[in-house]
Structure formats: C-alpha cells, structure tokens
Amino acid sequence: MQWWSAEGDPEPQLKLDLRETRELGGLLIDWDTVDYATAYDIGASSDGQNWRIVASVEKSNGGRDYVPIRDLETRW
C-alpha cells in the first residue's frame, strides 16, 4: 500500500510506473475520510509521456473507490 499527499498542489498528479506493460481491470483507491478528490481522471500511458484518459470519476465521496477499466494494457 502507498501513501500519497498532494498538499498545496493546485493540480495534483500521481504517476505509477508498473515497470512493464500489464493488463489492468480497474483501480482501487482508498481515500482519506477527510481529504479526498471528489472528481478525477485516470490516465494511462505506454511511455510516460503521451497520456490518454481511461476513466473519470465525477462524484467520489471519499473512502474506497473502485474504478473499473476495461481492456487496458499499460505501463504507466
């Protein structure tokens, strides 16, 4: 499990390098119960430079978000 904070960043981003291309079926995010994003996009990239949005969340209420992503193979 990783802990990350975007304190003070007006447009925070978290980039994960999986070190090789992997197939993903979704993303599980455990948010802090007080400080969390209410809307966010999930991007994917094969090279860490060119990104595409693969999922968007519009109304998160904190806690645990499961974001399904279909047929995705990506490194970043």
Protein backbone atom coordinates (compact mmCIF):
# COMPACT_ATOMS: atom_id res chain seq x y z
CA MET A 1 0.00 0.00 0.00
CA GLN A 2 1.25 3.51 -0.83
CA TRP A 3 0.51 6.75 0.98
CA TRP A 4 0.48 9.95 -1.06
CA SER A 5 -0.46 13.55 -0.36
CA ALA A 6 -0.97 16.42 -2.78
CA GLU A 7 -0.92 19.06 -0.08
CA GLY A 8 -0.58 22.55 -1.55
CA ASP A 9 -0.67 21.39 -5.19
CA PRO A 10 -3.50 23.06 -7.17
CA GLU A 11 -3.45 20.31 -9.86
CA PRO A 12 -2.02 17.21 -8.16
CA GLN A 13 -0.95 14.16 -10.13
CA LEU A 14 0.23 10.75 -9.03
CA LYS A 15 2.18 8.70 -11.59
CA LEU A 16 2.77 4.99 -11.11
CA ASP A 17 5.36 3.10 -13.14
CA LEU A 18 4.47 -0.61 -13.27
CA ARG A 19 7.93 -1.27 -14.82
CA GLU A 20 6.43 -3.32 -17.64
CA THR A 21 3.21 -3.42 -19.63
CA ARG A 22 0.44 -5.04 -17.62
CA GLU A 23 -3.22 -5.79 -18.12
CA LEU A 24 -5.48 -3.94 -15.68
CA GLY A 25 -9.17 -4.40 -14.97
CA GLY A 26 -9.58 -1.50 -12.60
CA LEU A 27 -8.12 0.61 -9.86
CA LEU A 28 -8.88 0.54 -6.14
CA ILE A 29 -8.29 3.81 -4.28
CA ASP A 30 -8.64 4.20 -0.51
CA TRP A 31 -9.08 7.91 0.16
CA ASP A 32 -8.59 9.69 3.45
CA THR A 33 -12.01 10.24 5.06
CA VAL A 34 -11.42 14.00 5.37
CA ASP A 35 -9.15 14.94 2.46
CA TYR A 36 -10.12 13.35 -0.87
CA ALA A 37 -10.80 14.19 -4.51
CA THR A 38 -14.46 14.49 -5.43
CA ALA A 39 -13.78 14.29 -9.19
CA TYR A 40 -10.72 12.95 -11.01
CA ASP A 41 -9.46 11.30 -14.18
CA ILE A 42 -7.39 8.14 -14.56
CA GLY A 43 -4.83 8.34 -17.35
CA ALA A 44 -2.72 5.63 -18.95
CA SER A 45 0.49 5.76 -20.96
CA SER A 46 2.81 3.24 -22.55
CA ASP A 47 5.80 5.62 -22.49
CA GLY A 48 5.15 8.02 -19.57
CA GLN A 49 4.92 10.97 -22.00
CA ASN A 50 1.73 10.52 -24.04
CA TRP A 51 -1.37 10.04 -21.90
CA ARG A 52 -5.00 9.16 -22.56
CA ILE A 53 -7.93 9.28 -20.14
CA VAL A 54 -9.22 5.74 -19.50
CA ALA A 55 -11.71 6.51 -16.71
CA SER A 56 -13.29 9.51 -14.99
CA VAL A 57 -14.92 9.76 -11.58
CA GLU A 58 -17.43 12.57 -11.12
CA LYS A 59 -18.87 12.15 -7.60
CA SER A 60 -16.47 10.48 -5.18
CA ASN A 61 -17.42 10.74 -1.52
CA GLY A 62 -14.13 9.59 -0.03
CA GLY A 63 -13.49 6.19 1.48
CA ARG A 64 -12.92 3.44 -1.08
CA ASP A 65 -13.38 3.99 -4.82
CA TYR A 66 -13.30 1.07 -7.23
CA VAL A 67 -12.78 2.40 -10.74
CA PRO A 68 -13.40 -0.26 -13.39
CA ILE A 69 -11.23 -0.03 -16.51
CA ARG A 70 -11.94 -2.39 -19.40
CA ASP A 71 -9.34 -3.97 -21.65
CA LEU A 72 -6.37 -1.87 -20.59
CA GLU A 73 -2.74 -2.80 -21.16
CA THR A 74 -0.37 -0.11 -19.93
CA ARG A 75 2.88 0.54 -18.10
CA TRP A 76 2.07 3.93 -16.61
